[in-house]
């Protein structure tokens, strides 16, 4: 009876050792996956940061384009009026220009 139990315990120990080894391999695989996930998260964070930087640059460039277009419009008005009228921009100047256009003194497109 004791010998039989000893064999059974030995078999059980062997099975448990195999299961433990299998679990250890699985833990190692999961650690590799976790490390890969951390690397991917870092890459994503880097890309998000770069995207935010690009967005900020894009907004700045858009503002610069608007300012340049506004200045180009001012220069075109100055050129078209041949020195008789200078549009300097700003709300008051815009109102004065619109009033002048309504009264029919000047014909300027796209204002």
N, C-alpha and C. Protein backbone atom coordinates (compact mmCIF):
# COMPACT_ATOMS: atom_id res chain seq x y z
N UNK A 1 0.83 -1.19 0.00
CA UNK A 1 0.00 0.00 0.00
C UNK A 1 0.87 1.25 0.00
N UNK A 2 1.91 1.25 0.85
CA UNK A 2 2.79 2.42 0.90
C UNK A 2 3.53 2.61 -0.41
N UNK A 3 3.94 1.52 -1.01
CA UNK A 3 4.68 1.62 -2.27
C UNK A 3 3.77 2.19 -3.35
N UNK A 4 2.51 1.75 -3.34
CA UNK A 4 1.56 2.23 -4.33
C UNK A 4 1.32 3.73 -4.16
N UNK A 5 1.19 4.17 -2.90
CA UNK A 5 1.00 5.59 -2.64
C UNK A 5 2.23 6.39 -3.03
N UNK A 6 3.38 5.85 -2.81
CA UNK A 6 4.62 6.52 -3.20
C UNK A 6 4.70 6.71 -4.70
N UNK A 7 4.30 5.70 -5.45
CA UNK A 7 4.28 5.79 -6.91
C UNK A 7 3.26 6.84 -7.34
N UNK A 8 2.09 6.82 -6.70
CA UNK A 8 1.06 7.79 -7.04
C UNK A 8 1.53 9.22 -6.74
N UNK A 9 2.20 9.39 -5.60
CA UNK A 9 2.73 10.72 -5.26
C UNK A 9 3.81 11.14 -6.24
N UNK A 10 4.65 10.20 -6.63
CA UNK A 10 5.70 10.51 -7.61
C UNK A 10 5.11 10.94 -8.94
N UNK A 11 4.08 10.22 -9.37
CA UNK A 11 3.40 10.57 -10.63
C UNK A 11 2.75 11.94 -10.50
N UNK A 12 2.10 12.17 -9.37
CA UNK A 12 1.44 13.46 -9.14
C UNK A 12 2.46 14.59 -9.13
N UNK A 13 3.60 14.36 -8.49
CA UNK A 13 4.66 15.37 -8.45
C UNK A 13 5.19 15.65 -9.85
N UNK A 14 5.36 14.62 -10.62
CA UNK A 14 5.85 14.78 -11.99
C UNK A 14 4.86 15.60 -12.81
N UNK A 15 3.58 15.30 -12.67
CA UNK A 15 2.54 16.05 -13.39
C UNK A 15 2.56 17.51 -12.96
N UNK A 16 2.66 17.74 -11.65
CA UNK A 16 2.69 19.11 -11.13
C UNK A 16 3.92 19.87 -11.62
N UNK A 17 5.07 19.21 -11.64
CA UNK A 17 6.29 19.85 -12.13
C UNK A 17 6.15 20.25 -13.59
N UNK A 18 5.54 19.38 -14.40
CA UNK A 18 5.32 19.70 -15.81
C UNK A 18 4.38 20.89 -15.96
N UNK A 19 3.33 20.90 -15.12
CA UNK A 19 2.38 22.02 -15.18
C UNK A 19 3.04 23.33 -14.75
N UNK A 20 3.89 23.24 -13.73
CA UNK A 20 4.62 24.42 -13.26
C UNK A 20 5.54 24.93 -14.35
N UNK A 21 6.26 24.04 -15.00
CA UNK A 21 7.16 24.44 -16.09
C UNK A 21 6.37 25.08 -17.23
N UNK A 22 5.21 24.51 -17.54
CA UNK A 22 4.36 25.05 -18.59
C UNK A 22 3.88 26.46 -18.23
N UNK A 23 3.48 26.63 -16.96
CA UNK A 23 3.02 27.94 -16.49
C UNK A 23 4.15 28.97 -16.51
N UNK A 24 5.37 28.52 -16.16
CA UNK A 24 6.51 29.43 -16.19
C UNK A 24 6.80 29.90 -17.62
N UNK A 25 6.70 28.97 -18.58
CA UNK A 25 6.89 29.36 -19.99
C UNK A 25 5.81 30.36 -20.41
N UNK A 26 4.59 30.11 -19.97
CA UNK A 26 3.47 31.00 -20.32
C UNK A 26 3.69 32.40 -19.72
N UNK A 27 4.19 32.44 -18.46
CA UNK A 27 4.49 33.72 -17.81
C UNK A 27 5.55 34.47 -18.61
N UNK A 28 6.59 33.75 -19.06
CA UNK A 28 7.64 34.38 -19.86
C UNK A 28 7.08 34.95 -21.16
N UNK A 29 6.18 34.19 -21.80
CA UNK A 29 5.55 34.67 -23.03
C UNK A 29 4.73 35.93 -22.77
N UNK A 30 3.99 35.92 -21.67
CA UNK A 30 3.17 37.08 -21.32
C UNK A 30 4.03 38.30 -20.99
N UNK A 31 5.17 38.06 -20.35
CA UNK A 31 6.08 39.17 -20.06
C UNK A 31 6.61 39.79 -21.35
N UNK A 32 6.90 38.93 -22.35
CA UNK A 32 7.34 39.44 -23.65
C UNK A 32 6.24 40.27 -24.31
N UNK A 33 5.01 39.76 -24.24
CA UNK A 33 3.87 40.49 -24.82
C UNK A 33 3.69 41.83 -24.10
N UNK A 34 3.82 41.82 -22.78
CA UNK A 34 3.67 43.05 -22.00
C UNK A 34 4.76 44.06 -22.38
N UNK A 35 5.99 43.58 -22.57
CA UNK A 35 7.08 44.47 -22.97
C UNK A 35 6.81 45.05 -24.35
N UNK A 36 6.30 44.22 -25.25
CA UNK A 36 5.96 44.70 -26.60
C UNK A 36 4.84 45.74 -26.52
N UNK A 37 3.85 45.49 -25.67
CA UNK A 37 2.74 46.43 -25.50
C UNK A 37 3.25 47.77 -24.95
N UNK A 38 4.18 47.72 -24.01
CA UNK A 38 4.76 48.96 -23.47
C UNK A 38 5.49 49.73 -24.57
N UNK A 39 6.22 49.00 -25.41
CA UNK A 39 6.92 49.64 -26.52
C UNK A 39 5.95 50.29 -27.50
N UNK A 40 4.86 49.58 -27.81
CA UNK A 40 3.85 50.14 -28.71
C UNK A 40 3.16 51.35 -28.10
N UNK A 41 2.91 51.30 -26.79
CA UNK A 41 2.29 52.45 -26.13
C UNK A 41 3.22 53.65 -26.19
N UNK A 42 4.51 53.44 -25.98
CA UNK A 42 5.47 54.53 -26.04
C UNK A 42 5.50 55.12 -27.45
N UNK A 43 5.48 54.25 -28.45
CA UNK A 43 5.47 54.72 -29.84
C UNK A 43 4.21 55.53 -30.12
N UNK A 44 3.08 55.07 -29.62
CA UNK A 44 1.82 55.79 -29.79
C UNK A 44 1.88 57.15 -29.09
N UNK A 45 2.40 57.17 -27.87
CA UNK A 45 2.54 58.43 -27.14
C UNK A 45 3.43 59.41 -27.90
N UNK A 46 4.52 58.89 -28.48
CA UNK A 46 5.42 59.73 -29.27
C UNK A 46 4.71 60.30 -30.49
N UNK A 47 3.92 59.45 -31.14
CA UNK A 47 3.19 59.90 -32.33
C UNK A 47 2.12 60.93 -31.97
N UNK A 48 1.45 60.72 -30.85
CA UNK A 48 0.45 61.69 -30.39
C UNK A 48 1.12 63.03 -30.11
N UNK A 49 2.26 63.00 -29.44
CA UNK A 49 2.98 64.24 -29.15
C UNK A 49 3.40 64.93 -30.44
N UNK A 50 3.89 64.15 -31.40
CA UNK A 50 4.29 64.72 -32.69
C UNK A 50 3.07 65.30 -33.41
N UNK A 51 1.94 64.61 -33.31
CA UNK A 51 0.70 65.10 -33.93
C UNK A 51 0.25 66.41 -33.32
N UNK A 52 0.36 66.53 -32.00
CA UNK A 52 -0.01 67.78 -31.34
C UNK A 52 0.91 68.91 -31.79
N UNK A 53 2.18 68.60 -31.92
CA UNK A 53 3.14 69.60 -32.39
C UNK A 53 2.82 70.03 -33.81
N UNK A 54 2.48 69.06 -34.67
CA UNK A 54 2.11 69.38 -36.05
C UNK A 54 0.84 70.22 -36.09
N UNK A 55 -0.12 69.89 -35.24
CA UNK A 55 -1.37 70.65 -35.21
C UNK A 55 -1.10 72.09 -34.80
N UNK A 56 -0.26 72.28 -33.78
CA UNK A 56 0.08 73.63 -33.34
C UNK A 56 0.79 74.39 -34.46
N UNK A 57 1.69 73.72 -35.17
CA UNK A 57 2.38 74.36 -36.29
C UNK A 57 1.40 74.70 -37.40
N UNK A 58 0.46 73.81 -37.66
CA UNK A 58 -0.54 74.04 -38.70
C UNK A 58 -1.40 75.25 -38.36
N UNK A 59 -1.83 75.36 -37.10
CA UNK A 59 -2.63 76.50 -36.67
C UNK A 59 -1.84 77.79 -36.85
N UNK A 60 -0.58 77.76 -36.46
CA UNK A 60 0.27 78.95 -36.60
C UNK A 60 0.41 79.32 -38.07
N UNK A 61 0.65 78.33 -38.92
CA UNK A 61 0.78 78.60 -40.35
C UNK A 61 -0.52 79.13 -40.94
N UNK A 62 -1.65 78.59 -40.50
CA UNK A 62 -2.93 79.09 -41.00
C UNK A 62 -3.12 80.55 -40.64
N UNK A 63 -2.75 80.92 -39.42
CA UNK A 63 -2.86 82.32 -39.00
C UNK A 63 -1.94 83.20 -39.85
N UNK A 64 -0.75 82.71 -40.13
CA UNK A 64 0.18 83.47 -40.96
C UNK A 64 -0.36 83.64 -42.37
N UNK A 65 -0.98 82.58 -42.91
CA UNK A 65 -1.57 82.66 -44.26
C UNK A 65 -2.69 83.68 -44.28
N UNK A 66 -3.54 83.67 -43.26
CA UNK A 66 -4.64 84.64 -43.19
C UNK A 66 -4.08 86.06 -43.13
N UNK A 67 -3.06 86.26 -42.32
CA UNK A 67 -2.45 87.59 -42.21
C UNK A 67 -1.84 88.02 -43.55
N UNK A 68 -1.17 87.09 -44.23
CA UNK A 68 -0.59 87.42 -45.54
C UNK A 68 -1.67 87.71 -46.57
N UNK A 69 -2.76 86.93 -46.55
CA UNK A 69 -3.85 87.19 -47.49
C UNK A 69 -4.48 88.55 -47.21
N UNK A 70 -4.64 88.89 -45.94
CA UNK A 70 -5.20 90.19 -45.57
C UNK A 70 -4.29 91.31 -46.08
N UNK A 71 -3.00 91.15 -45.86
CA UNK A 71 -2.05 92.18 -46.30
C UNK A 71 -2.04 92.28 -47.82
N UNK A 72 -2.13 91.15 -48.51
CA UNK A 72 -2.19 91.17 -49.97
C UNK A 72 -3.42 91.93 -50.43
N UNK A 73 -4.55 91.69 -49.77
CA UNK A 73 -5.78 92.43 -50.10
C UNK A 73 -5.60 93.92 -49.89
N UNK A 74 -4.93 94.29 -48.80
CA UNK A 74 -4.67 95.70 -48.54
C UNK A 74 -3.81 96.31 -49.64
N UNK A 75 -2.79 95.58 -50.05
CA UNK A 75 -1.91 96.08 -51.10
C UNK A 75 -2.64 96.21 -52.42
N UNK A 76 -3.54 95.26 -52.72
CA UNK A 76 -4.31 95.34 -53.96
C UNK A 76 -5.23 96.54 -53.95
N UNK A 77 -5.85 96.82 -52.79
CA UNK A 77 -6.72 98.00 -52.69
C UNK A 77 -5.90 99.26 -52.91
N UNK A 78 -4.73 99.33 -52.28
CA UNK A 78 -3.87 100.50 -52.45
C UNK A 78 -3.47 100.66 -53.91
N UNK A 79 -3.15 99.55 -54.58
CA UNK A 79 -2.73 99.60 -55.98
C UNK A 79 -3.89 100.03 -56.88
N UNK A 80 -5.08 99.43 -56.65
CA UNK A 80 -6.24 99.73 -57.49
C UNK A 80 -6.71 101.16 -57.36
N UNK A 81 -6.54 101.75 -56.20
CA UNK A 81 -7.03 103.12 -56.01
C UNK A 81 -5.99 104.16 -56.41
N UNK A 82 -4.82 103.72 -56.77
CA UNK A 82 -3.73 104.59 -57.25
C UNK A 82 -3.48 105.79 -56.33
N UNK A 83 -3.45 105.50 -55.06
CA UNK A 83 -3.07 106.54 -54.11
C UNK A 83 -4.22 107.42 -53.66
N UNK A 84 -5.42 107.24 -54.20
CA UNK A 84 -6.53 108.08 -53.77
C UNK A 84 -7.20 107.55 -52.52
N UNK A 85 -6.95 106.29 -52.21
CA UNK A 85 -7.57 105.69 -51.04
C UNK A 85 -6.64 104.61 -50.51
N UNK A 86 -6.36 104.62 -49.22
CA UNK A 86 -5.50 103.60 -48.62
C UNK A 86 -6.30 102.85 -47.58
N UNK A 87 -6.36 101.54 -47.76
CA UNK A 87 -7.06 100.69 -46.82
C UNK A 87 -6.04 100.11 -45.86
N UNK A 88 -6.09 100.52 -44.62
CA UNK A 88 -5.10 100.08 -43.64
C UNK A 88 -5.56 98.91 -42.80
N UNK A 89 -6.75 98.41 -43.05
CA UNK A 89 -7.23 97.28 -42.27
C UNK A 89 -7.90 97.74 -40.99
N UNK A 90 -8.30 96.82 -40.18
CA UNK A 90 -8.97 97.13 -38.93
C UNK A 90 -10.47 97.31 -39.14
N UNK A 91 -11.21 97.27 -38.03
CA UNK A 91 -12.68 97.32 -38.10
C UNK A 91 -13.17 98.65 -38.65
N UNK A 92 -12.61 99.77 -38.18
CA UNK A 92 -13.06 101.08 -38.64
C UNK A 92 -12.79 101.25 -40.12
N UNK A 93 -11.63 100.85 -40.57
CA UNK A 93 -11.30 100.97 -42.00
C UNK A 93 -12.19 100.08 -42.84
N UNK A 94 -12.49 98.90 -42.33
CA UNK A 94 -13.36 97.98 -43.07
C UNK A 94 -14.75 98.58 -43.22
N UNK A 95 -15.28 99.18 -42.14
CA UNK A 95 -16.60 99.82 -42.21
C UNK A 95 -16.58 100.98 -43.21
N UNK A 96 -15.52 101.79 -43.15
CA UNK A 96 -15.43 102.92 -44.07
C UNK A 96 -15.36 102.43 -45.51
N UNK A 97 -14.62 101.37 -45.75
CA UNK A 97 -14.51 100.84 -47.10
C UNK A 97 -15.85 100.29 -47.57
N UNK A 98 -16.54 99.56 -46.70
CA UNK A 98 -17.85 99.02 -47.09
C UNK A 98 -18.84 100.16 -47.38
N UNK A 99 -18.81 101.21 -46.57
CA UNK A 99 -19.69 102.35 -46.79
C UNK A 99 -19.38 103.00 -48.14
N UNK A 100 -18.10 103.16 -48.42
CA UNK A 100 -17.69 103.75 -49.69
C UNK A 100 -18.16 102.89 -50.85
N UNK A 101 -18.04 101.57 -50.70
CA UNK A 101 -18.48 100.67 -51.77
C UNK A 101 -19.99 100.75 -51.96
N UNK A 102 -20.75 100.83 -50.84
CA UNK A 102 -22.21 100.93 -50.94
C UNK A 102 -22.61 102.21 -51.67
N UNK A 103 -21.90 103.27 -51.42
CA UNK A 103 -22.23 104.55 -52.05
C UNK A 103 -21.82 104.57 -53.51
N UNK A 104 -21.07 103.57 -53.94
CA UNK A 104 -20.75 103.44 -55.35
C UNK A 104 -19.51 104.18 -55.81
N UNK A 105 -18.67 104.61 -54.88
CA UNK A 105 -17.48 105.34 -55.29
C UNK A 105 -16.40 104.42 -55.83
N UNK A 106 -16.33 103.21 -55.27
CA UNK A 106 -15.31 102.26 -55.71
C UNK A 106 -15.98 100.94 -56.06
N UNK A 107 -15.40 100.22 -56.97
CA UNK A 107 -15.86 98.87 -57.28
C UNK A 107 -14.70 97.91 -57.07
N UNK A 108 -14.77 97.18 -55.99
CA UNK A 108 -13.71 96.23 -55.67
C UNK A 108 -14.37 94.89 -55.40
N UNK A 109 -13.89 93.84 -56.03
CA UNK A 109 -14.47 92.51 -55.88
C UNK A 109 -13.93 91.80 -54.64
N UNK A 110 -14.73 90.86 -54.16
CA UNK A 110 -14.32 89.91 -53.10
C UNK A 110 -13.98 90.56 -51.77
N UNK A 111 -14.74 91.49 -51.31
CA UNK A 111 -14.52 92.04 -49.97
C UNK A 111 -15.56 91.53 -49.02
